[in-house]
Protein backbone atom coordinates (compact mmCIF):
# COMPACT_ATOMS: atom_id res chain seq x y z
CA UNK A 1 7.44 -20.49 -8.74
CA UNK A 2 9.38 -17.29 -9.03
CA UNK A 3 9.46 -13.72 -7.81
CA UNK A 4 9.54 -10.89 -10.42
CA UNK A 5 9.19 -12.85 -13.65
CA UNK A 6 9.71 -11.39 -17.10
CA UNK A 7 6.80 -11.87 -19.45
CA UNK A 8 8.68 -10.18 -22.28
CA UNK A 9 12.21 -9.51 -23.44
CA UNK A 10 15.25 -11.62 -22.48
CA UNK A 11 14.34 -14.38 -20.09
CA UNK A 12 12.68 -15.05 -16.76
CA UNK A 13 15.70 -14.19 -14.63
CA UNK A 14 15.74 -11.30 -12.11
CA UNK A 15 14.73 -7.81 -13.20
CA UNK A 16 17.48 -5.24 -13.57
CA UNK A 17 15.28 -2.14 -14.04
CA UNK A 18 15.43 -1.96 -17.83
CA UNK A 19 11.72 -1.25 -18.42
CA UNK A 20 10.79 -4.83 -19.31
CA UNK A 21 7.30 -6.19 -18.74
CA UNK A 22 7.61 -7.92 -15.38
CA UNK A 23 5.05 -9.51 -13.09
CA UNK A 24 5.66 -9.46 -9.33
CA UNK A 25 5.11 -13.15 -8.76
CA UNK A 26 4.52 -16.25 -10.87
CA UNK A 27 2.72 -19.04 -9.02
CA UNK A 28 2.15 -22.57 -10.26
CA UNK A 29 -0.51 -24.96 -9.00
CA UNK A 30 1.43 -28.18 -8.52
CA UNK A 31 -1.59 -30.39 -9.22
CA UNK A 32 -2.98 -28.86 -12.43
CA UNK A 33 0.29 -27.21 -13.53
CA UNK A 34 -1.75 -24.08 -14.26
CA UNK A 35 -0.19 -20.85 -13.18
CA UNK A 36 -1.05 -17.37 -12.02
CA UNK A 37 0.61 -14.03 -12.55
CA UNK A 38 0.30 -11.91 -9.41
CA UNK A 39 0.68 -8.14 -9.40
CA UNK A 40 1.09 -6.73 -5.88
CA UNK A 41 0.43 -3.11 -5.00
CA UNK A 42 1.04 -1.62 -1.56
CA UNK A 43 -1.78 -1.71 1.01
CA UNK A 44 -1.82 2.11 0.71
CA UNK A 45 -2.69 2.05 -3.00
CA UNK A 46 -6.12 3.69 -3.16
CA UNK A 47 -9.08 1.87 -4.69
CA UNK A 48 -12.03 4.22 -4.78
CA UNK A 49 -12.47 7.97 -5.02
CA UNK A 50 -13.63 9.93 -1.98
CA UNK A 51 -15.92 12.09 -4.09
CA UNK A 52 -19.31 10.87 -5.21
CA UNK A 53 -20.70 10.82 -8.71
CA UNK A 54 -24.13 12.45 -9.31
CA UNK A 55 -25.23 12.45 -5.71
CA UNK A 56 -26.15 15.35 -3.47
CA UNK A 57 -26.07 15.16 0.30
CA UNK A 58 -29.59 16.60 0.54
CA UNK A 59 -31.06 13.51 -1.14
CA UNK A 60 -31.12 9.90 -0.01
CA UNK A 61 -28.01 7.86 -0.72
CA UNK A 62 -29.65 5.30 -3.04
CA UNK A 63 -27.62 6.50 -6.03
CA UNK A 64 -24.43 7.30 -4.14
CA UNK A 65 -21.63 5.84 -6.24
CA UNK A 66 -17.85 6.24 -6.34
CA UNK A 67 -15.43 5.80 -9.20
CA UNK A 68 -12.23 3.75 -9.16
CA UNK A 69 -9.08 5.71 -8.35
CA UNK A 70 -6.48 6.16 -11.08
CA UNK A 71 -4.12 3.84 -9.17
CA UNK A 72 -6.62 0.97 -9.52
CA UNK A 73 -7.17 1.70 -13.20
CA UNK A 74 -3.42 1.88 -13.82
CA UNK A 75 -2.86 -1.43 -12.04
CA UNK A 76 -5.53 -3.09 -14.20
CA UNK A 77 -4.07 -1.65 -17.41
CA UNK A 78 -0.61 -2.81 -16.26
CA UNK A 79 -1.95 -6.35 -15.81
CA UNK A 80 -3.76 -6.20 -19.17
CA UNK A 81 -0.43 -5.24 -20.77
CA UNK A 82 1.20 -8.23 -19.08
CA UNK A 83 -1.61 -10.48 -20.36
CA UNK A 84 -1.20 -9.28 -23.94
CA UNK A 85 2.58 -9.54 -23.75
CA UNK A 86 2.33 -13.01 -22.23
CA UNK A 87 0.00 -14.19 -25.01
CA UNK A 88 2.41 -12.87 -27.65
CA UNK A 89 5.57 -14.26 -26.02
CA UNK A 90 4.60 -17.39 -24.09
CA UNK A 91 6.31 -19.91 -26.35
CA UNK A 92 9.52 -17.93 -26.76
CA UNK A 93 9.99 -16.69 -23.19
CA UNK A 94 8.20 -18.60 -20.45
CA UNK A 95 8.02 -21.97 -22.14
CA UNK A 96 11.77 -22.01 -22.75
CA UNK A 97 12.62 -21.28 -19.12
CA UNK A 98 9.94 -23.44 -17.46
CA UNK A 99 9.47 -26.42 -19.78
CA UNK A 100 10.99 -28.81 -17.23
CA UNK A 101 8.08 -27.85 -14.92
CA UNK A 102 5.53 -27.96 -17.76
CA UNK A 103 3.16 -25.01 -17.60
CA UNK A 104 -0.53 -25.49 -18.32
CA UNK A 105 -1.18 -22.28 -20.26
CA UNK A 106 -4.85 -23.17 -20.85
CA UNK A 107 -5.92 -22.19 -17.32
CA UNK A 108 -3.88 -19.08 -16.54
CA UNK A 109 -4.95 -16.67 -13.80
CA UNK A 110 -4.21 -13.00 -13.34
CA UNK A 111 -4.42 -11.65 -9.81
CA UNK A 112 -4.16 -8.08 -8.53
CA UNK A 113 -3.47 -7.78 -4.80
CA UNK A 114 -4.33 -4.25 -3.67
CA UNK A 115 -5.49 -2.05 -0.74
CA UNK A 116 -7.97 -2.85 2.06
CA UNK A 117 -11.76 -2.93 1.97
CA UNK A 118 -11.84 -2.00 5.68
CA UNK A 119 -10.82 1.55 4.74
CA UNK A 120 -13.93 2.10 2.61
CA UNK A 121 -17.36 3.22 3.76
CA UNK A 122 -20.39 1.08 2.87
CA UNK A 123 -21.20 2.86 -0.39
CA UNK A 124 -17.55 2.91 -1.48
CA UNK A 125 -17.36 -0.84 -0.84
CA UNK A 126 -20.50 -1.34 -2.88
CA UNK A 127 -19.01 0.66 -5.77
CA UNK A 128 -15.76 -1.29 -5.59
CA UNK A 129 -17.56 -4.66 -5.52
CA UNK A 130 -19.66 -3.65 -8.54
CA UNK A 131 -16.52 -2.57 -10.37
CA UNK A 132 -14.62 -5.74 -9.45
CA UNK A 133 -17.50 -7.85 -10.76
CA UNK A 134 -16.86 -6.46 -14.27
CA UNK A 135 -13.34 -7.87 -14.48
CA UNK A 136 -13.34 -10.73 -16.99
CA UNK A 137 -9.86 -12.11 -16.67
CA UNK A 138 -8.40 -10.39 -13.60
CA UNK A 139 -9.17 -11.35 -10.03
CA UNK A 140 -8.85 -8.40 -7.67
CA UNK A 141 -8.15 -9.38 -4.06
CA UNK A 142 -7.65 -6.91 -1.24
CA UNK A 143 -5.08 -7.43 1.49
CA UNK A 144 -7.72 -7.76 4.21
CA UNK A 145 -9.61 -10.39 2.16
CA UNK A 146 -6.39 -12.34 1.68
CA UNK A 147 -5.53 -12.20 5.39
CA UNK A 148 -9.04 -13.32 6.33
CA UNK A 149 -8.76 -16.31 3.98
CA UNK A 150 -5.40 -17.23 5.50
CA UNK A 151 -6.87 -16.99 9.01
CA UNK A 152 -9.78 -19.20 7.96
CA UNK A 153 -7.43 -21.84 6.55
CA UNK A 154 -5.27 -21.66 9.66
CA UNK A 155 -8.34 -22.19 11.88
CA UNK A 156 -9.49 -25.14 9.80
CA UNK A 157 -6.16 -26.91 10.17
CA UNK A 158 -5.67 -26.22 13.87
């Protein structure tokens, strides 16, 4: 639907760096009219720490776990802020600017596009996947997962 959409303050026009709550991309499903807010971080944004938690190299790696990096936590908190702001301001901000396209606000999605799983070792991937599973209302997708899905779709339609 639109790139860089305000979820709070004036309207849904382009951002002019005033500190407003802005999502990177607003996407609408043309069939259901539901929509998704997409927050995009660079592929270099780190996901998982390189240091382990409560694991010593002398032991087996059964309990080798890694914590999320601050950049991942910050991105999630940023999206949570957008969710709360959106809930508070939907009728006054988004509805006003998009009512001709009717938005189905009952089935809203929140997506965080971030980093690459390929850059993680097996145990780091496992820790990330366990962490991602705990997200209730945010879908975390990595760039390599997105590209693989696009390739799959492309192959299906060729």
